[in-house]
Amino acid sequence: MIYRKHYIPLESDPNIFTSLMHKIGVNPTLKFVDVWLLEQDEIQNLPGAVQALILILPPCPAYEEQGAMCQSLESDENEEVVWFRQTSSLCNIALCLQHS
């Protein structure tokens, strides 16, 4: 997929995300944590209820090839999961922080 815009990628560090969110007024009791596996045992060991999940994937040819297929997807207003089509390269972290 060819993007018209590119952004400098942010470090995917939960401490940086947490600090940034607290500085812009998010409840200080909330925080970001790393989740390395989406297995049931891993999810059960998270500290508290999950409010949002940001999935970070490195760019790869397979992802880019499937991008065309994903462009036709749209979120159903009745779904609990919201999907945003990425139209600029490397901007997903900033957008995820805004929407989480």
PDB file of N, CA and C in Angstrom:
ATOM      1  N   MET A   1       0.852  -1.172   0.000  1.00  0.00           N
ATOM      2  CA  MET A   1       0.000   0.000   0.000  1.00  0.00           C
ATOM      3  C   MET A   1       0.896   1.233   0.000  1.00  0.00           C
ATOM      4  N   ILE A   2       0.590   2.190  -0.816  1.00  0.00           N
ATOM      5  CA  ILE A   2       1.359   3.428  -0.888  1.00  0.00           C
ATOM      6  C   ILE A   2       0.605   4.504  -0.108  1.00  0.00           C
ATOM      7  N   TYR A   3       1.307   5.126   0.834  1.00  0.00           N
ATOM      8  CA  TYR A   3       0.704   6.160   1.668  1.00  0.00           C
ATOM      9  C   TYR A   3       1.165   7.529   1.198  1.00  0.00           C
ATOM     10  N   ARG A   4       0.269   8.495   1.256  1.00  0.00           N
ATOM     11  CA  ARG A   4       0.625   9.863   0.874  1.00  0.00           C
ATOM     12  C   ARG A   4       1.377  10.569   1.994  1.00  0.00           C
ATOM     13  N   LYS A   5       1.100  10.212   3.241  1.00  0.00           N
ATOM     14  CA  LYS A   5       1.728  10.866   4.385  1.00  0.00           C
ATOM     15  C   LYS A   5       2.477   9.837   5.219  1.00  0.00           C
ATOM     16  N   HIS A   6       3.552  10.289   5.846  1.00  0.00           N
ATOM     17  CA  HIS A   6       4.327   9.436   6.740  1.00  0.00           C
ATOM     18  C   HIS A   6       4.608  10.212   8.018  1.00  0.00           C
ATOM     19  N   TYR A   7       4.592   9.523   9.148  1.00  0.00           N
ATOM     20  CA  TYR A   7       4.865  10.139  10.437  1.00  0.00           C
ATOM     21  C   TYR A   7       6.047   9.435  11.082  1.00  0.00           C
ATOM     22  N   ILE A   8       6.743  10.141  11.957  1.00  0.00           N
ATOM     23  CA  ILE A   8       7.815   9.526  12.724  1.00  0.00           C
ATOM     24  C   ILE A   8       7.163   8.595  13.735  1.00  0.00           C
ATOM     25  N   PRO A   9       7.551   7.310  13.771  1.00  0.00           N
ATOM     26  CA  PRO A   9       6.893   6.379  14.686  1.00  0.00           C
ATOM     27  C   PRO A   9       7.235   6.682  16.146  1.00  0.00           C
ATOM     28  N   LEU A  10       6.249   6.549  17.021  1.00  0.00           N
ATOM     29  CA  LEU A  10       6.472   6.692  18.451  1.00  0.00           C
ATOM     30  C   LEU A  10       6.975   5.375  19.016  1.00  0.00           C
ATOM     31  N   GLU A  11       7.771   5.446  20.043  1.00  0.00           N
ATOM     32  CA  GLU A  11       8.205   4.251  20.744  1.00  0.00           C
ATOM     33  C   GLU A  11       6.979   3.585  21.353  1.00  0.00           C
ATOM     34  N   SER A  12       6.865   2.294  21.226  1.00  0.00           N
ATOM     35  CA  SER A  12       5.699   1.587  21.768  1.00  0.00           C
ATOM     36  C   SER A  12       5.971   1.164  23.213  1.00  0.00           C
ATOM     37  N   ASP A  13       6.192   2.122  24.058  1.00  0.00           N
ATOM     38  CA  ASP A  13       6.496   1.899  25.466  1.00  0.00           C
ATOM     39  C   ASP A  13       5.280   2.276  26.304  1.00  0.00           C
ATOM     40  N   PRO A  14       4.724   1.329  27.072  1.00  0.00           N
ATOM     41  CA  PRO A  14       3.526   1.644  27.853  1.00  0.00           C
ATOM     42  C   PRO A  14       3.745   2.764  28.870  1.00  0.00           C
ATOM     43  N   ASN A  15       4.954   2.929  29.374  1.00  0.00           N
ATOM     44  CA  ASN A  15       5.219   4.021  30.320  1.00  0.00           C
ATOM     45  C   ASN A  15       5.134   5.381  29.629  1.00  0.00           C
ATOM     46  N   ILE A  16       5.625   5.454  28.390  1.00  0.00           N
ATOM     47  CA  ILE A  16       5.528   6.698  27.622  1.00  0.00           C
ATOM     48  C   ILE A  16       4.067   7.002  27.316  1.00  0.00           C
ATOM     49  N   PHE A  17       3.312   5.977  26.894  1.00  0.00           N
ATOM     50  CA  PHE A  17       1.887   6.164  26.608  1.00  0.00           C
ATOM     51  C   PHE A  17       1.146   6.638  27.852  1.00  0.00           C
ATOM     52  N   THR A  18       1.414   5.990  28.983  1.00  0.00           N
ATOM     53  CA  THR A  18       0.736   6.346  30.234  1.00  0.00           C
ATOM     54  C   THR A  18       1.048   7.783  30.628  1.00  0.00           C
ATOM     55  N   SER A  19       2.319   8.160  30.568  1.00  0.00           N
ATOM     56  CA  SER A  19       2.722   9.521  30.916  1.00  0.00           C
ATOM     57  C   SER A  19       2.038  10.543  30.013  1.00  0.00           C
ATOM     58  N   LEU A  20       2.025  10.275  28.723  1.00  0.00           N
ATOM     59  CA  LEU A  20       1.389  11.181  27.773  1.00  0.00           C
ATOM     60  C   LEU A  20      -0.101  11.326  28.072  1.00  0.00           C
ATOM     61  N   MET A  21      -0.780  10.226  28.303  1.00  0.00           N
ATOM     62  CA  MET A  21      -2.220  10.276  28.559  1.00  0.00           C
ATOM     63  C   MET A  21      -2.533  11.016  29.857  1.00  0.00           C
ATOM     64  N   HIS A  22      -1.728  10.817  30.884  1.00  0.00           N
ATOM     65  CA  HIS A  22      -1.957  11.532  32.145  1.00  0.00           C
ATOM     66  C   HIS A  22      -1.742  13.037  31.964  1.00  0.00           C
ATOM     67  N   LYS A  23      -0.757  13.416  31.147  1.00  0.00           N
ATOM     68  CA  LYS A  23      -0.494  14.842  30.913  1.00  0.00           C
ATOM     69  C   LYS A  23      -1.634  15.542  30.185  1.00  0.00           C
ATOM     70  N   ILE A  24      -2.402  14.791  29.395  1.00  0.00           N
ATOM     71  CA  ILE A  24      -3.510  15.422  28.677  1.00  0.00           C
ATOM     72  C   ILE A  24      -4.844  15.247  29.398  1.00  0.00           C
ATOM     73  N   GLY A  25      -4.793  14.747  30.645  1.00  0.00           N
ATOM     74  CA  GLY A  25      -5.990  14.754  31.466  1.00  0.00           C
ATOM     75  C   GLY A  25      -6.715  13.443  31.672  1.00  0.00           C
ATOM     76  N   VAL A  26      -6.160  12.332  31.208  1.00  0.00           N
ATOM     77  CA  VAL A  26      -6.803  11.036  31.427  1.00  0.00           C
ATOM     78  C   VAL A  26      -6.683  10.664  32.905  1.00  0.00           C
ATOM     79  N   ASN A  27      -7.686  10.000  33.423  1.00  0.00           N
ATOM     80  CA  ASN A  27      -7.723   9.565  34.821  1.00  0.00           C
ATOM     81  C   ASN A  27      -6.387   8.927  35.211  1.00  0.00           C
ATOM     82  N   PRO A  28      -5.722   9.423  36.255  1.00  0.00           N
ATOM     83  CA  PRO A  28      -4.402   8.907  36.629  1.00  0.00           C
ATOM     84  C   PRO A  28      -4.406   7.477  37.165  1.00  0.00           C
ATOM     85  N   THR A  29      -5.578   6.897  37.412  1.00  0.00           N
ATOM     86  CA  THR A  29      -5.615   5.498  37.851  1.00  0.00           C
ATOM     87  C   THR A  29      -5.513   4.533  36.666  1.00  0.00           C
ATOM     88  N   LEU A  30      -5.654   5.047  35.443  1.00  0.00           N
ATOM     89  CA  LEU A  30      -5.545   4.197  34.254  1.00  0.00           C
ATOM     90  C   LEU A  30      -4.107   4.172  33.764  1.00  0.00           C
ATOM     91  N   LYS A  31      -3.704   3.037  33.193  1.00  0.00           N
ATOM     92  CA  LYS A  31      -2.348   2.928  32.669  1.00  0.00           C
ATOM     93  C   LYS A  31      -2.305   1.926  31.525  1.00  0.00           C
ATOM     94  N   PHE A  32      -1.261   2.038  30.722  1.00  0.00           N
ATOM     95  CA  PHE A  32      -1.003   1.093  29.648  1.00  0.00           C
ATOM     96  C   PHE A  32      -0.061   0.020  30.164  1.00  0.00           C
ATOM     97  N   VAL A  33      -0.242  -1.203  29.712  1.00  0.00           N
ATOM     98  CA  VAL A  33       0.659  -2.306  30.044  1.00  0.00           C
ATOM     99  C   VAL A  33       0.947  -3.101  28.773  1.00  0.00           C
ATOM    100  N   ASP A  34       2.105  -3.758  28.747  1.00  0.00           N
ATOM    101  CA  ASP A  34       2.433  -4.639  27.624  1.00  0.00           C
ATOM    102  C   ASP A  34       1.686  -5.953  27.772  1.00  0.00           C
ATOM    103  N   VAL A  35       1.164  -6.451  26.685  1.00  0.00           N
ATOM    104  CA  VAL A  35       0.563  -7.784  26.621  1.00  0.00           C
ATOM    105  C   VAL A  35       1.270  -8.493  25.474  1.00  0.00           C
ATOM    106  N   TRP A  36       1.996  -9.544  25.797  1.00  0.00           N
ATOM    107  CA  TRP A  36       2.786 -10.222  24.779  1.00  0.00           C
ATOM    108  C   TRP A  36       2.025 -11.355  24.099  1.00  0.00           C
ATOM    109  N   LEU A  37       1.007 -11.879  24.756  1.00  0.00           N
ATOM    110  CA  LEU A  37       0.203 -12.963  24.197  1.00  0.00           C
ATOM    111  C   LEU A  37      -1.266 -12.666  24.432  1.00  0.00           C
ATOM    112  N   LEU A  38      -2.110 -13.113  23.538  1.00  0.00           N
ATOM    113  CA  LEU A  38      -3.548 -12.944  23.723  1.00  0.00           C
ATOM    114  C   LEU A  38      -4.185 -14.250  24.201  1.00  0.00           C
ATOM    115  N   GLU A  39      -3.422 -15.017  24.956  1.00  0.00           N
ATOM    116  CA  GLU A  39      -3.922 -16.264  25.537  1.00  0.00           C
ATOM    117  C   GLU A  39      -4.729 -15.943  26.791  1.00  0.00           C
ATOM    118  N   GLN A  40      -5.672 -16.810  27.123  1.00  0.00           N
ATOM    119  CA  GLN A  40      -6.559 -16.594  28.270  1.00  0.00           C
ATOM    120  C   GLN A  40      -5.775 -16.363  29.565  1.00  0.00           C
ATOM    121  N   ASP A  41      -4.734 -17.162  29.807  1.00  0.00           N
ATOM    122  CA  ASP A  41      -3.940 -17.006  31.039  1.00  0.00           C
ATOM    123  C   ASP A  41      -3.296 -15.626  31.116  1.00  0.00           C
ATOM    124  N   GLU A  42      -2.793 -15.151  29.995  1.00  0.00           N
ATOM    125  CA  GLU A  42      -2.152 -13.832  29.956  1.00  0.00           C
ATOM    126  C   GLU A  42      -3.170 -12.729  30.238  1.00  0.00           C
ATOM    127  N   ILE A  43      -4.340 -12.819  29.632  1.00  0.00           N
ATOM    128  CA  ILE A  43      -5.381 -11.811  29.806  1.00  0.00           C
ATOM    129  C   ILE A  43      -5.879 -11.791  31.247  1.00  0.00           C
ATOM    130  N   GLN A  44      -6.026 -12.956  31.861  1.00  0.00           N
ATOM    131  CA  GLN A  44      -6.510 -13.026  33.245  1.00  0.00           C
ATOM    132  C   GLN A  44      -5.534 -12.396  34.228  1.00  0.00           C
ATOM    133  N   ASN A  45      -4.263 -12.338  33.877  1.00  0.00           N
ATOM    134  CA  ASN A  45      -3.247 -11.785  34.777  1.00  0.00           C
ATOM    135  C   ASN A  45      -3.035 -10.281  34.611  1.00  0.00           C
ATOM    136  N   LEU A  46      -3.841  -9.642  33.789  1.00  0.00           N
ATOM    137  CA  LEU A  46      -3.711  -8.192  33.627  1.00  0.00           C
ATOM    138  C   LEU A  46      -4.189  -7.475  34.889  1.00  0.00           C
ATOM    139  N   PRO A  47      -3.557  -6.337  35.218  1.00  0.00           N
ATOM    140  CA  PRO A  47      -3.930  -5.606  36.437  1.00  0.00           C
ATOM    141  C   PRO A  47      -5.199  -4.779  36.248  1.00  0.00           C
ATOM    142  N   GLY A  48      -6.347  -5.393  36.419  1.00  0.00           N
ATOM    143  CA  GLY A  48      -7.610  -4.658  36.297  1.00  0.00           C
ATOM    144  C   GLY A  48      -8.311  -4.922  34.980  1.00  0.00           C
ATOM    145  N   ALA A  49      -9.430  -4.238  34.799  1.00  0.00           N
ATOM    146  CA  ALA A  49     -10.243  -4.410  33.593  1.00  0.00           C
ATOM    147  C   ALA A  49      -9.580  -3.736  32.393  1.00  0.00           C
ATOM    148  N   VAL A  50      -9.718  -4.341  31.244  1.00  0.00           N
ATOM    149  CA  VAL A  50      -9.171  -3.783  30.006  1.00  0.00           C
ATOM    150  C   VAL A  50     -10.162  -2.773  29.447  1.00  0.00           C
ATOM    151  N   GLN A  51      -9.707  -1.551  29.241  1.00  0.00           N
ATOM    152  CA  GLN A  51     -10.538  -0.488  28.678  1.00  0.00           C
ATOM    153  C   GLN A  51     -10.337  -0.370  27.172  1.00  0.00           C
ATOM    154  N   ALA A  52      -9.134  -0.700  26.706  1.00  0.00           N
ATOM    155  CA  ALA A  52      -8.813  -0.609  25.278  1.00  0.00           C
ATOM    156  C   ALA A  52      -7.624  -1.512  24.997  1.00  0.00           C
ATOM    157  N   LEU A  53      -7.512  -1.928  23.755  1.00  0.00           N
ATOM    158  CA  LEU A  53      -6.389  -2.753  23.321  1.00  0.00           C
ATOM    159  C   LEU A  53      -5.796  -2.104  22.077  1.00  0.00           C
ATOM    160  N   ILE A  54      -4.503  -1.810  22.144  1.00  0.00           N
ATOM    161  CA  ILE A  54      -3.789  -1.271  20.990  1.00  0.00           C
ATOM    162  C   ILE A  54      -2.876  -2.379  20.495  1.00  0.00           C
ATOM    163  N   LEU A  55      -3.122  -2.842  19.291  1.00  0.00           N
ATOM    164  CA  LEU A  55      -2.321  -3.907  18.703  1.00  0.00           C
ATOM    165  C   LEU A  55      -1.277  -3.268  17.800  1.00  0.00           C
ATOM    166  N   ILE A  56      -0.006  -3.511  18.112  1.00  0.00           N
ATOM    167  CA  ILE A  56       1.091  -2.918  17.350  1.00  0.00           C
ATOM    168  C   ILE A  56       1.771  -4.020  16.551  1.00  0.00           C
ATOM    169  N   LEU A  57       1.767  -3.856  15.244  1.00  0.00           N
ATOM    170  CA  LEU A  57       2.400  -4.817  14.346  1.00  0.00           C
ATOM    171  C   LEU A  57       3.460  -4.107  13.522  1.00  0.00           C
ATOM    172  N   PRO A  58       4.627  -4.736  13.351  1.00  0.00           N
ATOM    173  CA  PRO A  58       5.617  -4.119  12.468  1.00  0.00           C
ATOM    174  C   PRO A  58       5.158  -4.235  11.019  1.00  0.00           C
ATOM    175  N   PRO A  59       5.483  -3.250  10.180  1.00  0.00           N
ATOM    176  CA  PRO A  59       5.103  -3.347   8.769  1.00  0.00           C
ATOM    177  C   PRO A  59       5.799  -4.538   8.112  1.00  0.00           C
ATOM    178  N   CYS A  60       5.083  -5.249   7.275  1.00  0.00           N
ATOM    179  CA  CYS A  60       5.665  -6.373   6.552  1.00  0.00           C
ATOM    180  C   CYS A  60       4.921  -6.538   5.229  1.00  0.00           C
ATOM    181  N   PRO A  61       5.529  -7.199   4.252  1.00  0.00           N
ATOM    182  CA  PRO A  61       4.883  -7.357   2.945  1.00  0.00           C
ATOM    183  C   PRO A  61       3.509  -8.032   3.023  1.00  0.00           C
ATOM    184  N   ALA A  62       3.357  -9.045   3.875  1.00  0.00           N
ATOM    185  CA  ALA A  62       2.067  -9.742   3.977  1.00  0.00           C
ATOM    186  C   ALA A  62       0.978  -8.791   4.455  1.00  0.00           C
ATOM    187  N   TYR A  63       1.307  -7.930   5.414  1.00  0.00           N
ATOM    188  CA  TYR A  63       0.328  -6.956   5.910  1.00  0.00           C
ATOM    189  C   TYR A  63      -0.067  -5.992   4.798  1.00  0.00           C
ATOM    190  N   GLU A  64       0.906  -5.520   4.056  1.00  0.00           N
ATOM    191  CA  GLU A  64       0.638  -4.579   2.969  1.00  0.00           C
ATOM    192  C   GLU A  64      -0.226  -5.224   1.885  1.00  0.00           C
ATOM    193  N   GLU A  65       0.019  -6.511   1.591  1.00  0.00           N
ATOM    194  CA  GLU A  65      -0.769  -7.209   0.578  1.00  0.00           C
ATOM    195  C   GLU A  65      -2.228  -7.349   1.011  1.00  0.00           C
ATOM    196  N   GLN A  66      -2.436  -7.598   2.296  1.00  0.00           N
ATOM    197  CA  GLN A  66      -3.798  -7.760   2.798  1.00  0.00           C
ATOM    198  C   GLN A  66      -4.494  -6.426   2.990  1.00  0.00           C
ATOM    199  N   GLY A  67      -3.749  -5.335   2.954  1.00  0.00           N
ATOM    200  CA  GLY A  67      -4.321  -4.009   3.157  1.00  0.00           C
ATOM    201  C   GLY A  67      -5.431  -3.687   2.178  1.00  0.00           C
ATOM    202  N   ALA A  68      -5.252  -4.095   0.932  1.00  0.00           N
ATOM    203  CA  ALA A  68      -6.280  -3.821  -0.076  1.00  0.00           C
ATOM    204  C   ALA A  68      -7.587  -4.509   0.282  1.00  0.00           C
ATOM    205  N   MET A  69      -7.500  -5.723   0.808  1.00  0.00           N
ATOM    206  CA  MET A  69      -8.698  -6.451   1.206  1.00  0.00           C
ATOM    207  C   MET A  69      -9.381  -5.751   2.383  1.00  0.00           C
ATOM    208  N   CYS A  70      -8.610  -5.253   3.325  1.00  0.00           N
ATOM    209  CA  CYS A  70      -9.162  -4.614   4.521  1.00  0.00           C
ATOM    210  C   CYS A  70      -9.788  -3.259   4.223  1.00  0.00           C
ATOM    211  N   GLN A  71      -9.412  -2.632   3.130  1.00  0.00           N
ATOM    212  CA  GLN A  71      -9.966  -1.319   2.812  1.00  0.00           C
ATOM    213  C   GLN A  71     -11.468  -1.365   2.601  1.00  0.00           C
ATOM    214  N   SER A  72     -11.984  -2.535   2.227  1.00  0.00           N
ATOM    215  CA  SER A  72     -13.417  -2.634   1.974  1.00  0.00           C
ATOM    216  C   SER A  72     -14.213  -2.850   3.261  1.00  0.00           C
ATOM    217  N   LEU A  73     -13.533  -3.093   4.372  1.00  0.00           N
ATOM    218  CA  LEU A  73     -14.222  -3.324   5.641  1.00  0.00           C
ATOM    219  C   LEU A  73     -14.705  -2.016   6.247  1.00  0.00           C
ATOM    220  N   GLU A  74     -15.819  -2.069   6.921  1.00  0.00           N
ATOM    221  CA  GLU A  74     -16.329  -0.916   7.654  1.00  0.00           C
ATOM    222  C   GLU A  74     -16.843  -1.403   8.992  1.00  0.00           C
ATOM    223  N   SER A  75     -16.753  -0.574  10.006  1.00  0.00           N
ATOM    224  CA  SER A  75     -17.279  -0.927  11.322  1.00  0.00           C
ATOM    225  C   SER A  75     -18.790  -0.801  11.313  1.00  0.00           C
ATOM    226  N   ASP A  76     -19.444  -1.781  11.883  1.00  0.00           N
ATOM    227  CA  ASP A  76     -20.894  -1.740  12.068  1.00  0.00           C
ATOM    228  C   ASP A  76     -21.152  -0.921  13.323  1.00  0.00           C
ATOM    229  N   GLU A  77     -22.080   0.003  13.277  1.00  0.00           N
ATOM    230  CA  GLU A  77     -22.332   0.871  14.434  1.00  0.00           C
ATOM    231  C   GLU A  77     -22.782   0.092  15.661  1.00  0.00           C
ATOM    232  N   ASN A  78     -23.235  -1.150  15.495  1.00  0.00           N
ATOM    233  CA  ASN A  78     -23.672  -1.962  16.628  1.00  0.00           C
ATOM    234  C   ASN A  78     -22.553  -2.827  17.201  1.00  0.00           C
ATOM    235  N   GLU A  79     -21.393  -2.835  16.568  1.00  0.00           N
ATOM    236  CA  GLU A  79     -20.277  -3.643  17.051  1.00  0.00           C
ATOM    237  C   GLU A  79     -19.592  -2.961  18.227  1.00  0.00           C
ATOM    238  N   GLU A  80     -19.026  -3.782  19.118  1.00  0.00           N
ATOM    239  CA  GLU A  80     -18.266  -3.234  20.240  1.00  0.00           C
ATOM    240  C   GLU A  80     -16.841  -2.894  19.826  1.00  0.00           C
ATOM    241  N   VAL A  81     -16.375  -3.474  18.739  1.00  0.00           N
ATOM    242  CA  VAL A  81     -15.028  -3.220  18.240  1.00  0.00           C
ATOM    243  C   VAL A  81     -15.110  -2.153  17.161  1.00  0.00           C
ATOM    244  N   VAL A  82     -14.233  -1.163  17.262  1.00  0.00           N
ATOM    245  CA  VAL A  82     -14.193  -0.098  16.261  1.00  0.00           C
ATOM    246  C   VAL A  82     -12.940  -0.295  15.419  1.00  0.00           C
ATOM    247  N   TRP A  83     -13.092  -0.252  14.120  1.00  0.00           N
ATOM    248  CA  TRP A  83     -11.987  -0.430  13.197  1.00  0.00           C
ATOM    249  C   TRP A  83     -11.802   0.849  12.403  1.00  0.00           C
ATOM    250  N   PHE A  84     -10.569   1.363  12.403  1.00  0.00           N
ATOM    251  CA  PHE A  84     -10.245   2.565  11.643  1.00  0.00           C
ATOM    252  C   PHE A  84      -9.267   2.194  10.535  1.00  0.00           C
ATOM    253  N   ARG A  85      -9.606   2.524   9.310  1.00  0.00           N
ATOM    254  CA  ARG A  85      -8.702   2.265   8.194  1.00  0.00           C
ATOM    255  C   ARG A  85      -7.568   3.277   8.253  1.00  0.00           C
ATOM    256  N   GLN A  86      -6.342   2.785   8.190  1.00  0.00           N
ATOM    257  CA  GLN A  86      -5.174   3.659   8.235  1.00  0.00           C
ATOM    258  C   GLN A  86      -4.894   4.195   6.842  1.00  0.00           C
ATOM    259  N   THR A  87      -4.815   5.507   6.716  1.00  0.00           N
ATOM    260  CA  THR A  87      -4.553   6.127   5.415  1.00  0.00           C
ATOM    261  C   THR A  87      -3.206   6.833   5.367  1.00  0.00           C
ATOM    262  N   SER A  88      -2.493   6.889   6.478  1.00  0.00           N
ATOM    263  CA  SER A  88      -1.160   7.490   6.534  1.00  0.00           C
ATOM    264  C   SER A  88      -0.218   6.504   7.198  1.00  0.00           C
ATOM    265  N   SER A  89       0.973   6.379   6.670  1.00  0.00           N
ATOM    266  CA  SER A  89       1.941   5.435   7.204  1.00  0.00           C
ATOM    267  C   SER A  89       2.445   5.871   8.579  1.00  0.00           C
ATOM    268  N   LEU A  90       2.509   4.943   9.494  1.00  0.00           N
ATOM    269  CA  LEU A  90       3.094   5.117  10.826  1.00  0.00           C
ATOM    270  C   LEU A  90       2.350   6.105  11.720  1.00  0.00           C
ATOM    271  N   CYS A  91       1.102   6.382  11.452  1.00  0.00           N
ATOM    272  CA  CYS A  91       0.364   7.303  12.317  1.00  0.00           C
ATOM    273  C   CYS A  91      -0.563   6.553  13.259  1.00  0.00           C
ATOM    274  N   ASN A  92      -0.585   5.238  13.176  1.00  0.00           N
ATOM    275  CA  ASN A  92      -1.569   4.476  13.929  1.00  0.00           C
ATOM    276  C   ASN A  92      -1.429   4.626  15.439  1.00  0.00           C
ATOM    277  N   ILE A  93      -0.238   4.779  15.967  1.00  0.00           N
ATOM    278  CA  ILE A  93      -0.076   4.882  17.415  1.00  0.00           C
ATOM    279  C   ILE A  93      -0.723   6.160  17.932  1.00  0.00           C
ATOM    280  N   ALA A  94      -0.479   7.272  17.278  1.00  0.00           N
ATOM    281  CA  ALA A  94      -1.097   8.528  17.714  1.00  0.00           C
ATOM    282  C   ALA A  94      -2.613   8.427  17.661  1.00  0.00           C
ATOM    283  N   LEU A  95      -3.140   7.832  16.612  1.00  0.00           N
ATOM    284  CA  LEU A  95      -4.590   7.671  16.499  1.00  0.00           C
ATOM    285  C   LEU A  95      -5.129   6.712  17.549  1.00  0.00           C
ATOM    286  N   CYS A  96      -4.402   5.646  17.807  1.00  0.00           N
ATOM    287  CA  CYS A  96      -4.834   4.694  18.839  1.00  0.00           C
ATOM    288  C   CYS A  96      -4.881   5.357  20.206  1.00  0.00           C
ATOM    289  N   LEU A  97      -3.893   6.164  20.513  1.00  0.00           N
ATOM    290  CA  LEU A  97      -3.895   6.866  21.799  1.00  0.00           C
ATOM    291  C   LEU A  97      -5.093   7.792  21.906  1.00  0.00           C
ATOM    292  N   GLN A  98      -5.430   8.457  20.828  1.00  0.00           N
ATOM    293  CA  GLN A  98      -6.580   9.361  20.846  1.00  0.00           C
ATOM    294  C   GLN A  98      -7.882   8.607  21.070  1.00  0.00           C
ATOM    295  N   HIS A  99      -8.016   7.446  20.482  1.00  0.00           N
ATOM    296  CA  HIS A  99      -9.281   6.725  20.530  1.00  0.00           C
ATOM    297  C   HIS A  99      -9.369   5.712  21.659  1.00  0.00           C
ATOM    298  N   SER A 100      -8.275   5.455  22.349  1.00  0.00           N
ATOM    299  CA  SER A 100      -8.335   4.505  23.456  1.00  0.00           C
ATOM    300  C   SER A 100      -8.682   5.251  24.719  1.00  0.00           C
TER     301      SER A 100
END
